[in-house]
Amino acid sequence: MRKSIVLALILSWFGFQCAFAAKPDKQVVVLSCDLHCQGCCDKIMKNIAFEKGVKDLVCDLNAKTVTVTYDANKTNVPTLLNAFEKIGKPAKEKDNKADSPKPKETDADTGATQLQ
């Protein structure tokens, strides 16, 4: 009888933990990093992949960027930037506004803005 009660308590505790466990909050950040060769990408992939909360890494050698998908419940961007610094590849968060088209000038007749 005592074993049944203990077993029921243990099972209810595990059920409670599973029901209220924090769900992953996946975030994506694009980091600009000075990448020279495939060895630089390999170094990042081997080290940053094991940082707590990192779910996926994509290293783009041509664009010199690293896209990191991470669980925001376990890590954040400053922690990731610190991890890059530790392996000798300082990175910074890429500004997405720089990639967006900029207004060129306003047409005097219609008032419409033309994009570059």
C-alpha atoms as a PDB file:
ATOM      1  CA  MET A   1       0.000   0.000   0.000  1.00  0.00           C
ATOM      2  CA  ARG A   2       2.782   2.390   0.933  1.00  0.00           C
ATOM      3  CA  LYS A   3       4.559   1.698  -2.395  1.00  0.00           C
ATOM      4  CA  SER A   4       1.369   2.569  -4.295  1.00  0.00           C
ATOM      5  CA  ILE A   5       1.057   5.921  -2.552  1.00  0.00           C
ATOM      6  CA  VAL A   6       4.716   6.787  -3.148  1.00  0.00           C
ATOM      7  CA  LEU A   7       4.432   5.751  -6.798  1.00  0.00           C
ATOM      8  CA  ALA A   8       1.276   7.862  -7.225  1.00  0.00           C
ATOM      9  CA  LEU A   9       3.015  10.900  -5.699  1.00  0.00           C
ATOM     10  CA  ILE A  10       6.042  10.497  -7.938  1.00  0.00           C
ATOM     11  CA  LEU A  11       3.914  10.129 -11.065  1.00  0.00           C
ATOM     12  CA  SER A  12       1.786  13.148 -10.173  1.00  0.00           C
ATOM     13  CA  TRP A  13       4.948  15.219  -9.550  1.00  0.00           C
ATOM     14  CA  PHE A  14       6.334  14.291 -13.004  1.00  0.00           C
ATOM     15  CA  GLY A  15       2.982  15.083 -14.594  1.00  0.00           C
ATOM     16  CA  PHE A  16       2.937  18.469 -12.903  1.00  0.00           C
ATOM     17  CA  GLN A  17       6.485  19.223 -14.087  1.00  0.00           C
ATOM     18  CA  CYS A  18       5.658  18.280 -17.684  1.00  0.00           C
ATOM     19  CA  ALA A  19       2.455  20.288 -17.732  1.00  0.00           C
ATOM     20  CA  PHE A  20       4.062  23.494 -16.525  1.00  0.00           C
ATOM     21  CA  ALA A  21       7.467  23.199 -18.170  1.00  0.00           C
ATOM     22  CA  ALA A  22       8.554  26.310 -20.054  1.00  0.00           C
ATOM     23  CA  LYS A  23       7.927  25.989 -23.746  1.00  0.00           C
ATOM     24  CA  PRO A  24      10.843  26.884 -26.024  1.00  0.00           C
ATOM     25  CA  ASP A  25      10.755  30.488 -27.183  1.00  0.00           C
ATOM     26  CA  LYS A  26      12.710  30.281 -30.432  1.00  0.00           C
ATOM     27  CA  GLN A  27      14.348  33.489 -31.588  1.00  0.00           C
ATOM     28  CA  VAL A  28      16.568  34.139 -34.603  1.00  0.00           C
ATOM     29  CA  VAL A  29      19.420  36.634 -34.708  1.00  0.00           C
ATOM     30  CA  VAL A  30      21.748  37.444 -37.592  1.00  0.00           C
ATOM     31  CA  LEU A  31      25.255  38.305 -36.478  1.00  0.00           C
ATOM     32  CA  SER A  32      27.920  39.976 -38.556  1.00  0.00           C
ATOM     33  CA  CYS A  33      31.298  38.338 -38.066  1.00  0.00           C
ATOM     34  CA  ASP A  34      34.697  38.641 -39.727  1.00  0.00           C
ATOM     35  CA  LEU A  35      34.894  35.302 -41.567  1.00  0.00           C
ATOM     36  CA  HIS A  36      37.964  34.658 -43.718  1.00  0.00           C
ATOM     37  CA  CYS A  37      37.684  31.016 -44.713  1.00  0.00           C
ATOM     38  CA  GLN A  38      35.795  27.776 -44.188  1.00  0.00           C
ATOM     39  CA  GLY A  39      37.963  27.157 -41.110  1.00  0.00           C
ATOM     40  CA  CYS A  40      36.393  30.216 -39.460  1.00  0.00           C
ATOM     41  CA  CYS A  41      32.910  28.791 -40.104  1.00  0.00           C
ATOM     42  CA  ASP A  42      33.993  25.367 -38.820  1.00  0.00           C
ATOM     43  CA  LYS A  43      35.353  26.933 -35.621  1.00  0.00           C
ATOM     44  CA  ILE A  44      32.051  28.725 -35.029  1.00  0.00           C
ATOM     45  CA  MET A  45      29.977  25.639 -35.809  1.00  0.00           C
ATOM     46  CA  LYS A  46      32.040  23.440 -33.460  1.00  0.00           C
ATOM     47  CA  ASN A  47      31.981  25.856 -30.523  1.00  0.00           C
ATOM     48  CA  ILE A  48      28.805  27.945 -30.659  1.00  0.00           C
ATOM     49  CA  ALA A  49      26.601  24.921 -31.401  1.00  0.00           C
ATOM     50  CA  PHE A  50      27.240  23.714 -27.845  1.00  0.00           C
ATOM     51  CA  GLU A  51      26.276  26.963 -26.148  1.00  0.00           C
ATOM     52  CA  LYS A  52      23.248  26.578 -23.908  1.00  0.00           C
ATOM     53  CA  GLY A  53      20.011  27.312 -25.794  1.00  0.00           C
ATOM     54  CA  VAL A  54      21.443  27.290 -29.336  1.00  0.00           C
ATOM     55  CA  LYS A  55      19.163  25.285 -31.619  1.00  0.00           C
ATOM     56  CA  ASP A  56      20.561  25.952 -35.102  1.00  0.00           C
ATOM     57  CA  LEU A  57      23.477  27.730 -36.762  1.00  0.00           C
ATOM     58  CA  VAL A  58      23.902  28.826 -40.373  1.00  0.00           C
ATOM     59  CA  CYS A  59      27.258  30.272 -41.357  1.00  0.00           C
ATOM     60  CA  ASP A  60      27.316  32.303 -44.612  1.00  0.00           C
ATOM     61  CA  LEU A  61      30.929  32.835 -45.632  1.00  0.00           C
ATOM     62  CA  ASN A  62      30.098  35.099 -48.602  1.00  0.00           C
ATOM     63  CA  ALA A  63      27.866  37.450 -46.601  1.00  0.00           C
ATOM     64  CA  LYS A  64      30.101  37.116 -43.509  1.00  0.00           C
ATOM     65  CA  THR A  65      27.087  36.442 -41.304  1.00  0.00           C
ATOM     66  CA  VAL A  66      26.036  33.775 -38.836  1.00  0.00           C
ATOM     67  CA  THR A  67      22.330  33.123 -38.295  1.00  0.00           C
ATOM     68  CA  VAL A  68      21.659  31.704 -34.842  1.00  0.00           C
ATOM     69  CA  THR A  69      18.347  30.165 -33.808  1.00  0.00           C
ATOM     70  CA  TYR A  70      18.161  29.968 -30.022  1.00  0.00           C
ATOM     71  CA  ASP A  71      15.788  29.390 -27.127  1.00  0.00           C
ATOM     72  CA  ALA A  72      15.216  32.768 -25.467  1.00  0.00           C
ATOM     73  CA  ASN A  73      14.359  31.007 -22.188  1.00  0.00           C
ATOM     74  CA  LYS A  74      17.925  29.693 -21.989  1.00  0.00           C
ATOM     75  CA  THR A  75      20.135  32.366 -23.577  1.00  0.00           C
ATOM     76  CA  ASN A  76      20.120  35.832 -25.099  1.00  0.00           C
ATOM     77  CA  VAL A  77      21.999  37.891 -27.685  1.00  0.00           C
ATOM     78  CA  PRO A  78      24.600  39.388 -25.286  1.00  0.00           C
ATOM     79  CA  THR A  79      25.474  35.871 -24.075  1.00  0.00           C
ATOM     80  CA  LEU A  80      25.868  34.697 -27.670  1.00  0.00           C
ATOM     81  CA  LEU A  81      28.052  37.692 -28.503  1.00  0.00           C
ATOM     82  CA  ASN A  82      30.212  36.873 -25.479  1.00  0.00           C
ATOM     83  CA  ALA A  83      30.577  33.275 -26.722  1.00  0.00           C
ATOM     84  CA  PHE A  84      31.785  34.554 -30.107  1.00  0.00           C
ATOM     85  CA  GLU A  85      34.267  36.819 -28.310  1.00  0.00           C
ATOM     86  CA  LYS A  86      35.630  33.861 -26.304  1.00  0.00           C
ATOM     87  CA  ILE A  87      36.518  31.909 -29.450  1.00  0.00           C
ATOM     88  CA  GLY A  88      38.264  34.889 -31.018  1.00  0.00           C
ATOM     89  CA  LYS A  89      35.549  35.776 -33.512  1.00  0.00           C
ATOM     90  CA  PRO A  90      33.936  38.979 -32.247  1.00  0.00           C
ATOM     91  CA  ALA A  91      30.490  39.504 -33.725  1.00  0.00           C
ATOM     92  CA  LYS A  92      27.828  42.160 -33.645  1.00  0.00           C
ATOM     93  CA  GLU A  93      24.128  42.069 -34.305  1.00  0.00           C
ATOM     94  CA  LYS A  94      23.453  42.859 -37.939  1.00  0.00           C
ATOM     95  CA  ASP A  95      21.262  45.907 -38.515  1.00  0.00           C
ATOM     96  CA  ASN A  96      18.292  44.795 -40.635  1.00  0.00           C
ATOM     97  CA  LYS A  97      17.442  48.406 -41.464  1.00  0.00           C
ATOM     98  CA  ALA A  98      20.592  48.682 -43.577  1.00  0.00           C
ATOM     99  CA  ASP A  99      19.244  46.001 -45.924  1.00  0.00           C
ATOM    100  CA  SER A 100      15.904  47.697 -46.548  1.00  0.00           C
ATOM    101  CA  PRO A 101      15.466  49.964 -49.592  1.00  0.00           C
ATOM    102  CA  LYS A 102      15.835  53.670 -48.891  1.00  0.00           C
ATOM    103  CA  PRO A 103      13.578  56.387 -50.254  1.00  0.00           C
ATOM    104  CA  LYS A 104      15.150  58.114 -53.229  1.00  0.00           C
ATOM    105  CA  GLU A 105      13.166  61.255 -53.739  1.00  0.00           C
ATOM    106  CA  THR A 106       9.581  62.432 -53.885  1.00  0.00           C
ATOM    107  CA  ASP A 107       7.920  62.998 -57.260  1.00  0.00           C
ATOM    108  CA  ALA A 108       6.779  66.645 -57.340  1.00  0.00           C
ATOM    109  CA  ASP A 109       3.684  65.911 -59.480  1.00  0.00           C
ATOM    110  CA  THR A 110       2.207  62.954 -57.593  1.00  0.00           C
ATOM    111  CA  GLY A 111       3.918  63.161 -54.218  1.00  0.00           C
ATOM    112  CA  ALA A 112       4.900  59.482 -54.538  1.00  0.00           C
ATOM    113  CA  THR A 113       8.212  58.312 -53.136  1.00  0.00           C
ATOM    114  CA  GLN A 114      10.428  56.280 -55.439  1.00  0.00           C
ATOM    115  CA  LEU A 115      12.651  53.563 -54.021  1.00  0.00           C
ATOM    116  CA  GLN A 116      16.296  53.163 -54.973  1.00  0.00           C
END
